[in-house]
Amino acid sequence: MIEITKFKPLDKNTLKGFLTVRLTHVGLEIRDIAVQEKNGKRWLNMPSRSYTDSNGKQSYSYVLDFFDEEKKNLFQREVLRMLDGGDHGTKSQS
């Protein structure tokens, strides 16, 4: 099951807020999932950390991410559906 336990709205450029999501069937809680939106399209960015690349540019590296694109898309659709429904603290069977 998937459960959104926290949503902190933040409107800064494409960033719309941060989520905490629990995957109860594996006992995993993922904090600081970024909700992004641009040109009518929304997506989730998994937690990441910043670093400076060899050219001095700030870049980001995911702390964790999906290796299966289909499961990533399913997770993203379900979490965004729950967020739209105000389902903070409720569970999905996905």
C-alpha atoms as a PDB file:
ATOM      1  CA  MET A   1       0.000   0.000   0.000  1.00  0.00           C
ATOM      2  CA  ILE A   2       0.976   3.621  -0.545  1.00  0.00           C
ATOM      3  CA  GLU A   3       0.216   6.285   2.044  1.00  0.00           C
ATOM      4  CA  ILE A   4       0.896  10.031   1.894  1.00  0.00           C
ATOM      5  CA  THR A   5       1.700  11.000   5.470  1.00  0.00           C
ATOM      6  CA  LYS A   6       2.725  14.603   4.878  1.00  0.00           C
ATOM      7  CA  PHE A   7       2.504  17.320   2.233  1.00  0.00           C
ATOM      8  CA  LYS A   8       4.231  20.659   2.646  1.00  0.00           C
ATOM      9  CA  PRO A   9       3.159  23.130  -0.073  1.00  0.00           C
ATOM     10  CA  LEU A  10       5.868  25.383  -1.490  1.00  0.00           C
ATOM     11  CA  ASP A  11       5.446  27.473  -4.628  1.00  0.00           C
ATOM     12  CA  LYS A  12       8.897  28.282  -6.032  1.00  0.00           C
ATOM     13  CA  ASN A  13       9.397  28.146  -9.798  1.00  0.00           C
ATOM     14  CA  THR A  14       8.378  24.605 -10.831  1.00  0.00           C
ATOM     15  CA  LEU A  15       8.447  23.314  -7.245  1.00  0.00           C
ATOM     16  CA  LYS A  16       4.975  22.944  -5.716  1.00  0.00           C
ATOM     17  CA  GLY A  17       5.828  21.168  -2.485  1.00  0.00           C
ATOM     18  CA  PHE A  18       7.334  18.174  -0.730  1.00  0.00           C
ATOM     19  CA  LEU A  19       5.759  14.832   0.185  1.00  0.00           C
ATOM     20  CA  THR A  20       6.421  12.063   2.647  1.00  0.00           C
ATOM     21  CA  VAL A  21       5.154   8.736   1.319  1.00  0.00           C
ATOM     22  CA  ARG A  22       5.031   5.347   3.037  1.00  0.00           C
ATOM     23  CA  LEU A  23       5.212   2.076   1.151  1.00  0.00           C
ATOM     24  CA  THR A  24       3.634   0.068   3.927  1.00  0.00           C
ATOM     25  CA  HIS A  25       4.083  -3.353   2.290  1.00  0.00           C
ATOM     26  CA  VAL A  26       7.886  -2.973   2.418  1.00  0.00           C
ATOM     27  CA  GLY A  27       8.114  -0.846   5.562  1.00  0.00           C
ATOM     28  CA  LEU A  28       9.717   2.094   3.761  1.00  0.00           C
ATOM     29  CA  GLU A  29       9.070   5.803   4.267  1.00  0.00           C
ATOM     30  CA  ILE A  30      10.377   8.204   1.609  1.00  0.00           C
ATOM     31  CA  ARG A  31      10.741  11.811   2.710  1.00  0.00           C
ATOM     32  CA  ASP A  32      11.268  14.957   0.636  1.00  0.00           C
ATOM     33  CA  ILE A  33       9.734  13.822  -2.636  1.00  0.00           C
ATOM     34  CA  ALA A  34       9.443  17.018  -4.681  1.00  0.00           C
ATOM     35  CA  VAL A  35       6.200  17.766  -6.538  1.00  0.00           C
ATOM     36  CA  GLN A  36       7.013  19.691  -9.739  1.00  0.00           C
ATOM     37  CA  GLU A  37       4.780  21.371 -12.317  1.00  0.00           C
ATOM     38  CA  LYS A  38       5.529  23.156 -15.588  1.00  0.00           C
ATOM     39  CA  ASN A  39       3.365  23.935 -18.618  1.00  0.00           C
ATOM     40  CA  GLY A  40       0.453  21.926 -17.206  1.00  0.00           C
ATOM     41  CA  LYS A  41       2.564  18.801 -16.622  1.00  0.00           C
ATOM     42  CA  ARG A  42       3.261  17.452 -13.120  1.00  0.00           C
ATOM     43  CA  TRP A  43       5.829  14.958 -11.938  1.00  0.00           C
ATOM     44  CA  LEU A  44       7.628  13.756  -8.834  1.00  0.00           C
ATOM     45  CA  ASN A  45      11.343  13.976  -8.166  1.00  0.00           C
ATOM     46  CA  MET A  46      12.707  11.518  -5.670  1.00  0.00           C
ATOM     47  CA  PRO A  47      14.946  12.827  -2.855  1.00  0.00           C
ATOM     48  CA  SER A  48      18.286  14.109  -4.095  1.00  0.00           C
ATOM     49  CA  ARG A  49      21.432  15.797  -2.881  1.00  0.00           C
ATOM     50  CA  SER A  50      23.318  18.603  -4.500  1.00  0.00           C
ATOM     51  CA  TYR A  51      26.933  18.557  -5.601  1.00  0.00           C
ATOM     52  CA  THR A  52      29.246  20.727  -7.671  1.00  0.00           C
ATOM     53  CA  ASP A  53      30.362  19.130 -10.935  1.00  0.00           C
ATOM     54  CA  SER A  54      33.825  19.465 -12.483  1.00  0.00           C
ATOM     55  CA  ASN A  55      32.753  22.664 -14.294  1.00  0.00           C
ATOM     56  CA  GLY A  56      31.676  24.336 -11.046  1.00  0.00           C
ATOM     57  CA  LYS A  57      27.971  23.917 -11.822  1.00  0.00           C
ATOM     58  CA  GLN A  58      25.534  22.799  -9.124  1.00  0.00           C
ATOM     59  CA  SER A  59      23.914  19.488 -10.026  1.00  0.00           C
ATOM     60  CA  TYR A  60      21.739  16.945  -8.244  1.00  0.00           C
ATOM     61  CA  SER A  61      21.983  13.213  -7.735  1.00  0.00           C
ATOM     62  CA  TYR A  62      19.030  11.061  -6.661  1.00  0.00           C
ATOM     63  CA  VAL A  63      19.403   9.398  -3.277  1.00  0.00           C
ATOM     64  CA  LEU A  64      17.039   6.676  -4.490  1.00  0.00           C
ATOM     65  CA  ASP A  65      15.109   6.118  -7.684  1.00  0.00           C
ATOM     66  CA  PHE A  66      13.144   3.506  -9.603  1.00  0.00           C
ATOM     67  CA  PHE A  67      15.042   1.303 -12.044  1.00  0.00           C
ATOM     68  CA  ASP A  68      11.763   0.098 -13.587  1.00  0.00           C
ATOM     69  CA  GLU A  69      10.167   2.920 -15.626  1.00  0.00           C
ATOM     70  CA  GLU A  70       6.719   1.284 -15.646  1.00  0.00           C
ATOM     71  CA  LYS A  71       6.656   1.004 -11.846  1.00  0.00           C
ATOM     72  CA  LYS A  72       7.961   4.555 -11.529  1.00  0.00           C
ATOM     73  CA  ASN A  73       5.100   5.839 -13.697  1.00  0.00           C
ATOM     74  CA  LEU A  74       2.542   3.810 -11.740  1.00  0.00           C
ATOM     75  CA  PHE A  75       3.878   5.150  -8.432  1.00  0.00           C
ATOM     76  CA  GLN A  76       3.849   8.718  -9.736  1.00  0.00           C
ATOM     77  CA  ARG A  77       0.293   8.481 -11.111  1.00  0.00           C
ATOM     78  CA  GLU A  78      -1.026   6.974  -7.887  1.00  0.00           C
ATOM     79  CA  VAL A  79       0.674   9.475  -5.584  1.00  0.00           C
ATOM     80  CA  LEU A  80      -0.452  12.453  -7.684  1.00  0.00           C
ATOM     81  CA  ARG A  81      -4.012  11.044  -7.773  1.00  0.00           C
ATOM     82  CA  MET A  82      -3.991  10.741  -3.987  1.00  0.00           C
ATOM     83  CA  LEU A  83      -2.568  14.245  -3.607  1.00  0.00           C
ATOM     84  CA  ASP A  84      -5.273  15.682  -5.897  1.00  0.00           C
ATOM     85  CA  GLY A  85      -7.930  13.949  -3.809  1.00  0.00           C
ATOM     86  CA  GLY A  86      -6.559  15.379  -0.585  1.00  0.00           C
ATOM     87  CA  ASP A  87      -5.740  11.846   0.546  1.00  0.00           C
ATOM     88  CA  HIS A  88      -3.045  12.836   3.018  1.00  0.00           C
ATOM     89  CA  GLY A  89      -2.908  10.131   5.632  1.00  0.00           C
ATOM     90  CA  THR A  90      -5.008   7.665   3.650  1.00  0.00           C
ATOM     91  CA  LYS A  91      -3.866   4.519   1.906  1.00  0.00           C
ATOM     92  CA  SER A  92      -3.930   3.161  -1.619  1.00  0.00           C
ATOM     93  CA  GLN A  93      -3.803  -0.541  -2.485  1.00  0.00           C
ATOM     94  CA  SER A  94      -1.100   0.048  -5.173  1.00  0.00           C
END
